[in-house]
N, C-alpha and C. Protein backbone atom coordinates (compact mmCIF):
# COMPACT_ATOMS: atom_id res chain seq x y z
N MET A 1 138.37 -57.27 -4.60
CA MET A 1 138.20 -56.00 -5.18
C MET A 1 137.11 -55.18 -5.24
N ARG A 2 136.08 -55.33 -4.56
CA ARG A 2 134.70 -55.04 -4.70
C ARG A 2 135.42 -53.36 -3.79
N THR A 3 135.68 -54.57 -2.26
CA THR A 3 136.49 -53.78 -1.34
C THR A 3 136.50 -51.95 -1.09
N THR A 4 137.16 -52.27 -2.54
CA THR A 4 137.99 -51.00 -3.31
C THR A 4 137.68 -50.18 -3.79
N ARG A 5 136.17 -50.60 -4.87
CA ARG A 5 135.55 -50.09 -5.98
C ARG A 5 134.85 -49.04 -5.09
N LEU A 6 134.07 -49.41 -3.99
CA LEU A 6 133.44 -48.84 -3.58
C LEU A 6 133.45 -46.96 -2.72
N PRO A 7 134.66 -47.72 -2.37
CA PRO A 7 134.95 -45.64 -1.41
C PRO A 7 136.00 -45.55 -2.72
N THR A 8 136.41 -45.48 -3.24
CA THR A 8 137.32 -44.91 -5.09
C THR A 8 135.72 -44.45 -5.11
N ALA A 9 134.16 -45.19 -6.38
CA ALA A 9 133.36 -44.61 -6.23
C ALA A 9 132.99 -43.11 -5.74
N LEU A 10 133.13 -43.50 -4.39
CA LEU A 10 132.08 -42.38 -3.41
C LEU A 10 132.99 -41.37 -3.48
N LEU A 11 134.29 -41.70 -3.80
CA LEU A 11 135.74 -39.95 -3.78
C LEU A 11 135.54 -39.68 -5.20
N LEU A 12 135.23 -40.38 -5.98
CA LEU A 12 135.23 -39.82 -7.32
C LEU A 12 134.01 -38.82 -7.00
N ALA A 13 132.55 -39.57 -6.83
CA ALA A 13 131.74 -38.55 -6.67
C ALA A 13 131.50 -37.67 -6.20
N ALA A 14 131.94 -37.43 -4.54
CA ALA A 14 132.68 -35.79 -4.57
C ALA A 14 133.22 -35.23 -4.92
N VAL A 15 134.26 -35.47 -5.24
CA VAL A 15 135.01 -34.53 -6.40
C VAL A 15 134.68 -34.24 -7.20
N TRP A 16 133.90 -34.88 -7.87
CA TRP A 16 132.96 -34.37 -9.34
C TRP A 16 132.13 -33.71 -9.15
N THR A 17 131.67 -33.89 -7.78
CA THR A 17 130.48 -32.69 -7.19
C THR A 17 130.90 -31.46 -7.11
N SER A 18 132.12 -31.48 -5.98
CA SER A 18 132.46 -30.03 -5.91
C SER A 18 132.98 -29.60 -6.99
N ALA A 19 134.00 -30.57 -7.80
CA ALA A 19 134.91 -29.83 -9.29
C ALA A 19 133.58 -29.30 -9.80
N SER A 20 132.58 -29.50 -10.03
CA SER A 20 131.82 -28.92 -11.02
C SER A 20 130.90 -27.56 -10.04
N GLY A 21 131.22 -27.48 -9.00
CA GLY A 21 130.11 -26.67 -8.36
C GLY A 21 129.06 -26.92 -8.63
N ALA A 22 128.22 -28.23 -8.30
CA ALA A 22 126.61 -28.46 -8.24
C ALA A 22 126.41 -28.21 -6.63
N ALA A 23 125.57 -27.15 -6.83
CA ALA A 23 124.44 -27.14 -5.65
C ALA A 23 123.50 -27.64 -5.48
N ALA A 24 122.50 -28.16 -4.60
CA ALA A 24 121.34 -28.39 -4.63
C ALA A 24 120.16 -27.77 -5.37
N GLN A 25 119.32 -27.77 -6.44
CA GLN A 25 118.69 -26.89 -7.52
C GLN A 25 117.69 -26.61 -6.54
N GLU A 26 117.01 -27.41 -5.40
CA GLU A 26 115.81 -26.76 -4.40
C GLU A 26 116.22 -27.15 -3.33
N GLN A 27 115.26 -26.97 -2.22
CA GLN A 27 115.51 -26.87 -0.82
C GLN A 27 114.32 -28.05 -0.67
N PRO A 28 115.26 -28.88 0.00
CA PRO A 28 115.90 -30.60 0.54
C PRO A 28 113.05 -30.17 1.00
N SER A 29 112.86 -31.00 0.27
CA SER A 29 111.87 -31.69 1.71
C SER A 29 111.97 -31.75 3.31
N GLU A 30 110.72 -31.79 3.74
CA GLU A 30 111.47 -32.19 5.18
C GLU A 30 111.38 -33.52 5.42
N GLY A 31 110.59 -34.40 4.43
CA GLY A 31 110.84 -35.57 4.60
C GLY A 31 112.24 -36.11 4.56
N THR A 32 112.79 -35.40 3.23
CA THR A 32 114.01 -36.26 2.80
C THR A 32 115.31 -35.50 3.99
N ARG A 33 114.52 -34.40 4.68
CA ARG A 33 116.05 -33.91 5.90
C ARG A 33 115.39 -34.95 7.27
N ALA A 34 114.41 -35.31 7.22
CA ALA A 34 114.07 -36.16 7.94
C ALA A 34 114.88 -37.91 8.31
N ALA A 35 114.69 -37.73 6.85
CA ALA A 35 115.94 -39.14 6.20
C ALA A 35 117.38 -38.60 6.22
N HIS A 36 117.62 -37.96 5.98
CA HIS A 36 119.04 -37.52 6.55
C HIS A 36 119.52 -37.54 7.57
N ASP A 37 118.30 -37.22 8.87
CA ASP A 37 118.87 -37.14 10.05
C ASP A 37 118.73 -38.55 10.42
N VAL A 38 117.79 -38.96 10.20
CA VAL A 38 118.17 -40.67 10.72
C VAL A 38 119.44 -41.27 9.92
N LEU A 39 119.64 -40.92 8.87
CA LEU A 39 120.63 -41.53 8.58
C LEU A 39 121.78 -41.32 9.23
N ARG A 40 122.15 -39.89 8.96
CA ARG A 40 123.43 -39.27 9.86
C ARG A 40 123.64 -39.94 11.13
N VAL A 41 122.42 -40.32 11.92
CA VAL A 41 122.75 -40.60 13.65
C VAL A 41 122.69 -41.78 13.73
N SER A 42 122.29 -42.50 12.78
CA SER A 42 122.00 -44.46 12.64
C SER A 42 123.39 -44.47 12.00
N THR A 43 124.56 -44.02 11.23
CA THR A 43 126.00 -43.95 10.56
C THR A 43 126.52 -43.95 11.82
N ALA A 44 126.24 -42.30 12.31
CA ALA A 44 127.39 -42.23 13.59
C ALA A 44 127.37 -43.28 14.45
N ALA A 45 126.26 -43.49 15.15
CA ALA A 45 125.92 -44.59 16.44
C ALA A 45 126.84 -46.02 15.46
N SER A 46 126.50 -46.74 14.15
CA SER A 46 127.18 -48.11 13.58
C SER A 46 128.65 -47.36 13.87
N MET A 47 129.27 -46.34 13.65
CA MET A 47 130.61 -46.05 13.55
C MET A 47 131.44 -46.25 14.61
N LEU A 48 130.29 -45.69 15.59
CA LEU A 48 130.66 -45.74 17.35
C LEU A 48 131.26 -46.77 17.40
N VAL A 49 130.23 -48.00 17.06
CA VAL A 49 130.11 -49.39 17.55
C VAL A 49 131.49 -50.06 16.92
N THR A 50 131.56 -49.49 15.42
CA THR A 50 132.50 -50.85 14.91
C THR A 50 134.05 -50.12 15.74
N ALA A 51 134.16 -48.64 16.01
CA ALA A 51 135.31 -48.08 17.08
C ALA A 51 135.69 -49.06 18.00
N THR A 52 134.75 -49.11 18.73
CA THR A 52 134.72 -49.49 20.39
C THR A 52 134.83 -51.46 19.73
N LEU A 53 134.31 -52.08 18.87
CA LEU A 53 134.90 -52.67 18.60
C LEU A 53 136.54 -53.09 17.93
N GLY A 54 137.01 -51.98 17.33
CA GLY A 54 138.04 -51.77 16.92
C GLY A 54 139.07 -51.44 17.76
N THR A 55 138.64 -51.00 18.73
CA THR A 55 139.69 -50.41 20.56
C THR A 55 139.33 -51.61 21.07
N LEU A 56 139.16 -52.64 20.94
CA LEU A 56 138.85 -53.54 21.84
C LEU A 56 140.12 -54.56 21.06
N LEU A 57 139.71 -54.44 19.92
CA LEU A 57 141.37 -55.62 18.98
C LEU A 57 142.58 -55.31 18.62
N ALA A 58 142.26 -53.29 19.54
CA ALA A 58 143.94 -52.49 18.84
C ALA A 58 144.33 -53.35 20.68
N ILE A 59 143.79 -53.13 21.52
CA ILE A 59 144.23 -53.46 23.34
C ILE A 59 144.63 -55.12 22.87
N ASN A 60 143.54 -56.19 22.65
CA ASN A 60 144.22 -57.35 21.88
C ASN A 60 145.12 -57.92 21.62
N LYS A 61 145.00 -57.14 20.53
CA LYS A 61 146.01 -57.50 19.05
C LYS A 61 147.41 -56.63 19.46
N PRO A 62 148.61 -57.09 18.76
CA PRO A 62 149.98 -56.30 18.59
C PRO A 62 149.48 -55.05 17.74
N THR A 63 150.16 -53.95 18.61
CA THR A 63 150.10 -52.42 17.49
C THR A 63 151.69 -52.19 18.11
N LEU A 64 151.73 -50.71 17.49
CA LEU A 64 152.43 -50.14 17.80
C LEU A 64 152.95 -49.79 19.37
N PHE A 65 152.11 -50.06 20.22
CA PHE A 65 151.33 -49.30 21.17
C PHE A 65 152.74 -50.67 22.14
N GLY A 66 151.95 -51.89 21.75
CA GLY A 66 152.57 -53.42 22.45
C GLY A 66 152.24 -54.35 21.95
N ASP A 67 152.13 -55.44 22.55
CA ASP A 67 151.94 -56.56 22.06
C ASP A 67 151.15 -57.30 21.80
N GLY A 68 149.68 -56.71 22.49
CA GLY A 68 148.73 -56.30 22.79
C GLY A 68 147.91 -58.34 24.18
N ARG A 69 147.21 -57.74 24.32
CA ARG A 69 146.95 -58.47 25.67
C ARG A 69 146.42 -60.31 25.01
N CYS A 70 146.10 -60.54 24.13
CA CYS A 70 146.30 -61.94 23.67
C CYS A 70 147.61 -62.51 23.92
N LEU A 71 148.47 -61.68 23.18
CA LEU A 71 149.98 -62.39 23.36
C LEU A 71 150.08 -62.80 25.19
N ARG A 72 149.98 -61.31 25.63
CA ARG A 72 150.42 -61.65 27.39
C ARG A 72 149.11 -62.68 27.92
N GLY A 73 147.81 -63.41 27.34
CA GLY A 73 147.59 -64.71 27.92
C GLY A 73 146.16 -63.69 28.76
N ASP A 74 145.78 -62.72 28.63
CA ASP A 74 144.67 -61.94 29.16
C ASP A 74 144.12 -60.86 28.75
N PRO A 75 143.62 -61.50 27.07
CA PRO A 75 142.64 -60.43 26.49
C PRO A 75 141.51 -60.45 27.00
N VAL A 76 140.95 -59.39 26.52
CA VAL A 76 139.49 -58.41 27.12
C VAL A 76 138.48 -59.85 25.92
N LEU A 77 137.40 -60.02 26.41
CA LEU A 77 136.83 -60.81 26.18
C LEU A 77 137.08 -62.40 26.00
N GLY A 78 138.23 -62.36 26.49
CA GLY A 78 138.81 -63.96 26.27
C GLY A 78 139.00 -64.20 25.21
N ASP A 79 139.16 -65.95 24.89
CA ASP A 79 139.51 -66.51 23.87
C ASP A 79 138.62 -65.62 22.44
N TYR A 80 137.65 -65.42 22.64
CA TYR A 80 136.35 -64.58 21.49
C TYR A 80 136.98 -63.29 21.29
N GLY A 81 137.70 -62.40 22.10
CA GLY A 81 138.06 -61.39 21.70
C GLY A 81 139.46 -61.82 21.19
N CYS A 82 140.05 -62.64 21.26
CA CYS A 82 141.37 -62.60 19.92
C CYS A 82 140.85 -63.68 18.77
N HIS A 83 140.09 -64.23 19.12
CA HIS A 83 140.09 -65.36 17.49
C HIS A 83 138.26 -64.92 16.92
N GLY A 84 137.63 -64.12 17.29
CA GLY A 84 136.39 -64.35 17.10
C GLY A 84 135.68 -62.93 16.67
N LEU A 85 136.44 -61.83 17.75
CA LEU A 85 136.18 -60.58 17.76
C LEU A 85 136.08 -59.69 16.28
N SER A 86 137.17 -60.26 15.62
CA SER A 86 137.51 -59.12 14.22
C SER A 86 136.52 -59.62 13.11
N VAL A 87 135.79 -60.96 13.52
CA VAL A 87 134.39 -60.70 12.46
C VAL A 87 133.22 -60.01 12.53
N LEU A 88 132.73 -59.62 14.25
CA LEU A 88 132.02 -58.89 14.35
C LEU A 88 132.65 -57.12 14.35
N HIS A 89 133.97 -57.10 13.79
CA HIS A 89 134.01 -55.75 13.45
C HIS A 89 133.99 -55.48 12.54
N GLY A 90 134.35 -56.65 11.43
CA GLY A 90 134.46 -56.40 9.89
C GLY A 90 132.87 -56.41 9.47
N ILE A 91 132.06 -57.36 10.08
CA ILE A 91 130.13 -57.00 9.60
C ILE A 91 129.95 -55.63 10.17
N SER A 92 130.24 -55.07 11.46
CA SER A 92 129.80 -53.42 12.00
C SER A 92 131.02 -52.87 10.76
N ALA A 93 131.93 -53.19 10.64
CA ALA A 93 132.18 -52.23 9.32
C ALA A 93 131.47 -52.13 8.23
N VAL A 94 131.22 -53.26 7.80
CA VAL A 94 130.71 -53.39 6.49
C VAL A 94 129.06 -52.10 6.38
N ILE A 95 128.40 -52.59 7.82
CA ILE A 95 127.03 -51.74 7.99
C ILE A 95 127.58 -50.12 8.02
N SER A 96 128.57 -49.84 9.01
CA SER A 96 129.26 -48.66 9.18
C SER A 96 129.06 -47.99 7.16
N LEU A 97 129.99 -48.52 7.28
CA LEU A 97 130.52 -48.17 5.48
C LEU A 97 129.08 -47.91 4.56
N VAL A 98 127.97 -49.22 4.50
CA VAL A 98 126.72 -48.81 3.84
C VAL A 98 126.50 -48.20 4.15
N LEU A 99 126.09 -47.59 5.50
CA LEU A 99 125.36 -46.65 6.18
C LEU A 99 125.86 -45.39 5.61
N TYR A 100 127.24 -44.98 5.50
CA TYR A 100 128.04 -43.89 5.58
C TYR A 100 127.43 -43.55 3.68
N THR A 101 127.34 -44.65 3.03
CA THR A 101 127.40 -44.55 1.60
C THR A 101 126.16 -43.73 1.40
N ALA A 102 125.30 -44.59 1.95
CA ALA A 102 123.70 -43.81 1.92
C ALA A 102 123.69 -42.58 2.35
N THR A 103 124.49 -41.80 3.34
CA THR A 103 124.04 -40.55 3.91
C THR A 103 124.63 -39.94 2.91
N THR A 104 125.82 -39.95 2.64
CA THR A 104 127.17 -39.38 1.59
C THR A 104 126.22 -38.96 0.27
N THR A 105 125.76 -40.27 -0.22
CA THR A 105 125.06 -39.85 -1.69
C THR A 105 123.87 -39.01 -1.22
N LEU A 106 123.21 -39.19 -0.21
CA LEU A 106 121.69 -38.19 -0.02
C LEU A 106 122.34 -37.32 0.28
N GLU A 107 123.22 -37.01 1.00
CA GLU A 107 123.86 -35.50 1.45
C GLU A 107 123.95 -34.67 -0.62
N ILE A 108 125.56 -35.10 -1.27
CA ILE A 108 125.32 -35.11 -2.32
C ILE A 108 124.72 -34.42 -3.30
N ASP A 109 123.27 -35.39 -3.18
CA ASP A 109 122.28 -35.31 -4.07
C ASP A 109 121.47 -33.87 -3.82
N GLN A 110 121.13 -33.97 -2.65
CA GLN A 110 120.21 -32.60 -1.84
C GLN A 110 120.38 -31.63 -1.52
N PHE A 111 122.15 -31.51 -0.95
CA PHE A 111 122.66 -30.46 -0.37
C PHE A 111 123.56 -30.13 -1.00
N GLY A 112 123.98 -30.54 -2.41
CA GLY A 112 125.15 -30.44 -2.60
C GLY A 112 126.61 -30.34 -1.47
N TRP A 113 126.53 -31.22 -1.06
CA TRP A 113 127.44 -31.92 -0.28
C TRP A 113 129.00 -31.25 -1.26
N PRO A 114 130.34 -31.26 -0.58
CA PRO A 114 130.03 -31.00 0.57
C PRO A 114 130.18 -29.72 1.48
N GLY A 115 129.70 -29.45 3.11
CA GLY A 115 128.86 -28.41 3.61
C GLY A 115 128.28 -27.80 3.89
N MET A 116 127.46 -28.36 3.05
CA MET A 116 126.03 -27.51 3.51
C MET A 116 125.36 -26.95 4.13
N GLY A 117 126.11 -25.38 3.03
CA GLY A 117 125.89 -24.22 4.33
C GLY A 117 126.57 -23.89 5.57
N HIS A 118 127.29 -25.28 6.15
CA HIS A 118 128.24 -24.69 7.56
C HIS A 118 129.06 -24.35 7.56
N GLY A 119 129.91 -24.11 6.41
CA GLY A 119 130.95 -23.02 6.33
C GLY A 119 132.42 -24.14 6.24
N ARG A 120 133.71 -23.63 6.01
CA ARG A 120 134.79 -24.29 6.15
C ARG A 120 135.19 -25.51 6.67
N GLY A 121 135.17 -25.47 8.17
CA GLY A 121 135.43 -26.26 8.42
C GLY A 121 134.63 -27.51 8.36
N TYR A 122 133.09 -27.06 8.75
CA TYR A 122 132.45 -28.49 8.36
C TYR A 122 132.90 -29.31 7.07
N ALA A 123 133.19 -28.17 5.61
CA ALA A 123 133.20 -28.98 4.41
C ALA A 123 134.57 -29.58 5.08
N VAL A 124 135.85 -28.74 5.76
CA VAL A 124 137.09 -29.88 5.85
C VAL A 124 136.80 -30.90 6.20
N ALA A 125 135.57 -30.95 7.53
CA ALA A 125 135.70 -32.30 8.29
C ALA A 125 134.64 -33.27 7.40
N ASN A 126 134.43 -32.72 6.50
CA ASN A 126 133.45 -33.71 5.77
C ASN A 126 134.24 -34.50 4.94
N TRP A 127 135.33 -33.73 4.44
CA TRP A 127 136.50 -34.77 3.20
C TRP A 127 137.25 -35.02 4.31
N ILE A 128 137.27 -34.99 5.42
CA ILE A 128 138.68 -36.07 6.30
C ILE A 128 137.61 -37.08 6.53
N ASP A 129 136.27 -37.19 6.94
CA ASP A 129 135.58 -38.74 7.06
C ASP A 129 135.72 -39.15 5.85
N LEU A 130 135.05 -38.93 4.56
CA LEU A 130 134.94 -39.25 3.21
C LEU A 130 136.56 -39.68 2.58
N VAL A 131 137.96 -39.21 3.11
CA VAL A 131 139.17 -40.06 3.07
C VAL A 131 139.15 -40.97 3.95
N GLY A 132 139.03 -40.94 4.88
CA GLY A 132 138.80 -41.74 5.93
C GLY A 132 138.24 -42.80 5.79
N MET A 133 137.09 -42.99 5.63
CA MET A 133 135.98 -43.50 4.90
C MET A 133 136.39 -44.57 3.45
N SER A 134 137.18 -44.02 2.59
CA SER A 134 137.70 -44.58 1.93
C SER A 134 138.68 -45.67 2.11
N MET A 135 140.13 -45.32 3.33
CA MET A 135 141.23 -46.11 3.92
C MET A 135 140.89 -46.71 4.26
N LEU A 136 139.96 -46.89 5.27
CA LEU A 136 140.00 -47.87 6.50
C LEU A 136 139.70 -49.32 5.83
N PRO A 137 138.42 -49.56 4.73
CA PRO A 137 137.96 -50.84 4.16
C PRO A 137 139.36 -51.70 3.36
N ILE A 138 140.26 -50.96 3.12
CA ILE A 138 140.90 -50.89 2.28
C ILE A 138 142.42 -51.80 3.39
N VAL A 139 142.84 -50.47 4.45
CA VAL A 139 144.01 -51.14 5.33
C VAL A 139 143.15 -52.24 6.02
N GLY A 140 142.29 -51.79 6.75
CA GLY A 140 141.61 -53.13 7.21
C GLY A 140 141.53 -54.39 6.50
N PHE A 141 141.08 -54.47 5.31
CA PHE A 141 140.62 -55.70 4.51
C PHE A 141 142.48 -56.12 4.37
N VAL A 142 143.58 -55.62 4.30
CA VAL A 142 144.81 -55.79 3.93
C VAL A 142 145.45 -56.54 5.28
N MET A 143 145.47 -55.42 6.23
CA MET A 143 145.83 -55.94 7.69
C MET A 143 145.13 -57.15 7.87
N ALA A 144 143.72 -57.86 7.95
CA ALA A 144 143.41 -58.91 7.99
C ALA A 144 143.42 -60.16 7.30
N VAL A 145 143.65 -59.84 5.67
CA VAL A 145 144.34 -60.46 4.95
C VAL A 145 146.03 -59.91 4.70
N PRO A 146 146.64 -60.22 4.65
CA PRO A 146 147.70 -59.80 4.14
C PRO A 146 148.47 -60.35 2.83
N GLN A 147 147.63 -62.11 2.88
CA GLN A 147 148.05 -62.87 1.49
C GLN A 147 147.40 -62.10 0.44
N VAL A 148 146.29 -61.17 0.21
CA VAL A 148 146.14 -60.26 -0.80
C VAL A 148 147.57 -59.67 -1.47
N LEU A 149 148.28 -59.43 -0.39
CA LEU A 149 149.65 -58.64 -0.98
C LEU A 149 150.77 -60.08 -1.22
N GLY A 150 150.34 -60.87 -1.47
CA GLY A 150 151.16 -61.86 -1.33
C GLY A 150 152.37 -61.96 0.17
N LEU A 151 151.84 -61.60 1.13
CA LEU A 151 152.44 -61.37 2.17
C LEU A 151 152.04 -62.78 3.79
N ASP A 152 152.75 -63.62 3.96
CA ASP A 152 152.18 -64.37 4.90
C ASP A 152 152.85 -64.12 6.12
N MET A 153 152.28 -63.76 6.70
CA MET A 153 153.20 -62.75 8.19
C MET A 153 152.41 -63.00 9.52
N ALA A 154 153.43 -63.18 10.10
CA ALA A 154 152.54 -63.35 11.93
C ALA A 154 151.93 -62.46 12.29
N ASP A 155 150.94 -62.75 12.81
CA ASP A 155 150.03 -61.60 13.62
C ASP A 155 150.66 -60.50 14.49
N ASP A 156 152.00 -60.68 14.66
CA ASP A 156 153.04 -59.55 15.64
C ASP A 156 153.77 -59.20 14.80
N SER A 157 153.89 -59.08 13.38
CA SER A 157 155.00 -58.52 12.76
C SER A 157 154.67 -57.25 12.69
N LEU A 158 155.93 -56.80 12.45
CA LEU A 158 155.85 -55.02 11.93
C LEU A 158 155.06 -54.49 11.18
N PHE A 159 155.08 -54.90 9.80
CA PHE A 159 153.60 -54.47 9.00
C PHE A 159 152.51 -54.73 9.32
N ARG A 160 151.96 -55.69 10.29
CA ARG A 160 151.02 -55.77 10.83
C ARG A 160 150.19 -54.64 12.01
N ARG A 161 151.37 -54.84 12.95
CA ARG A 161 151.37 -53.85 14.07
C ARG A 161 151.32 -52.29 13.30
N LEU A 162 152.02 -51.83 12.37
CA LEU A 162 151.58 -50.53 11.69
C LEU A 162 150.27 -50.40 11.33
N LEU A 163 149.92 -51.87 10.54
CA LEU A 163 148.77 -51.28 9.50
C LEU A 163 147.55 -51.36 10.71
N ARG A 164 147.66 -52.18 11.84
CA ARG A 164 146.77 -52.02 13.02
C ARG A 164 146.88 -50.43 13.66
N THR A 165 148.02 -49.79 13.57
CA THR A 165 148.08 -48.71 14.41
C THR A 165 147.32 -47.29 13.49
N VAL A 166 148.03 -47.61 12.20
CA VAL A 166 147.34 -46.89 11.78
C VAL A 166 145.93 -46.78 11.26
N HIS A 167 145.22 -48.29 11.18
CA HIS A 167 143.61 -48.45 11.00
C HIS A 167 143.31 -47.59 12.34
N LEU A 168 143.56 -48.00 13.25
CA LEU A 168 143.10 -47.70 14.45
C LEU A 168 142.95 -45.99 14.85
N ALA A 169 144.50 -45.25 13.76
CA ALA A 169 144.15 -44.02 14.11
C ALA A 169 143.19 -43.18 12.93
N VAL A 170 143.50 -43.65 11.83
CA VAL A 170 142.12 -43.56 10.98
C VAL A 170 140.79 -43.24 11.63
N GLY A 171 140.60 -44.54 11.98
CA GLY A 171 139.11 -44.69 12.31
C GLY A 171 139.07 -43.80 13.64
N TYR A 172 139.39 -43.21 14.42
CA TYR A 172 139.33 -42.35 15.57
C TYR A 172 139.53 -41.29 14.87
N THR A 173 140.51 -40.70 13.92
CA THR A 173 140.19 -39.69 13.48
C THR A 173 138.62 -39.22 12.09
N THR A 174 138.59 -40.74 11.53
CA THR A 174 136.89 -40.81 10.93
C THR A 174 135.61 -40.63 11.60
N VAL A 175 135.56 -41.12 12.65
CA VAL A 175 134.35 -41.74 13.63
C VAL A 175 134.56 -40.21 14.15
N GLY A 176 135.83 -39.33 14.65
CA GLY A 176 135.36 -38.19 15.37
C GLY A 176 135.03 -36.82 14.30
N THR A 177 135.58 -36.70 12.97
CA THR A 177 134.82 -36.11 12.23
C THR A 177 133.51 -35.51 11.84
N PHE A 178 133.42 -37.76 11.97
CA PHE A 178 131.97 -37.66 11.54
C PHE A 178 130.79 -37.46 12.42
N VAL A 179 131.32 -37.98 13.42
CA VAL A 179 130.18 -37.47 15.22
C VAL A 179 130.43 -35.90 15.52
N ALA A 180 130.97 -35.08 14.96
CA ALA A 180 131.28 -33.86 14.87
C ALA A 180 130.19 -33.34 14.07
N THR A 181 130.65 -33.55 12.89
CA THR A 181 129.42 -32.52 11.79
C THR A 181 127.90 -33.45 11.97
N THR A 182 127.87 -34.63 12.50
CA THR A 182 126.27 -34.97 12.91
C THR A 182 126.31 -34.35 13.65
N ALA A 183 126.67 -33.94 14.91
CA ALA A 183 125.93 -32.99 16.03
C ALA A 183 126.03 -31.84 15.43
N ILE A 184 127.01 -31.28 14.74
CA ILE A 184 126.60 -29.46 14.14
C ILE A 184 125.40 -29.28 13.30
N ASP A 185 125.35 -31.04 12.29
CA ASP A 185 123.95 -30.84 11.30
C ASP A 185 122.57 -30.43 11.89
N LEU A 186 122.92 -31.57 12.90
CA LEU A 186 121.25 -31.62 14.02
C LEU A 186 121.12 -30.26 14.92
């Protein structure tokens, strides 16, 4: 249950900040700006690692694109790619979520997020990655442990294939928009 509270709280904080028209009262200090830059780059790097691990999992596991290499018997990274890689992906995802939350909290507090003076396209990209970062842990958790919904399905069931494919698409979109806004912001 904690997995869903953090993204929901983050989304509500962002909506409240945006709806209230809150903007930064003062110009952030150089130290705050430097911390923000380090957080954004660290978050982007962590998200790229998580996306890479997720891509390897999507290659190995069944998706709407195919049966996956584990079922064919030639998985990327061997047996580990079928049975252990998801744990590493999950740990990386938690690190990415924590870094994203820290970055976004700092932006809301210091820069009047979303937008930070970069224009409408930047603000839209921020909302896309916020919604994506809210969805990814929920979809990933349900996909990994479908029993939380009372479902006991094989790894190659249509529902899990669909969830894995949606998770992959949302992940790519989220990482892409966050990395793009990081490049613009620096």
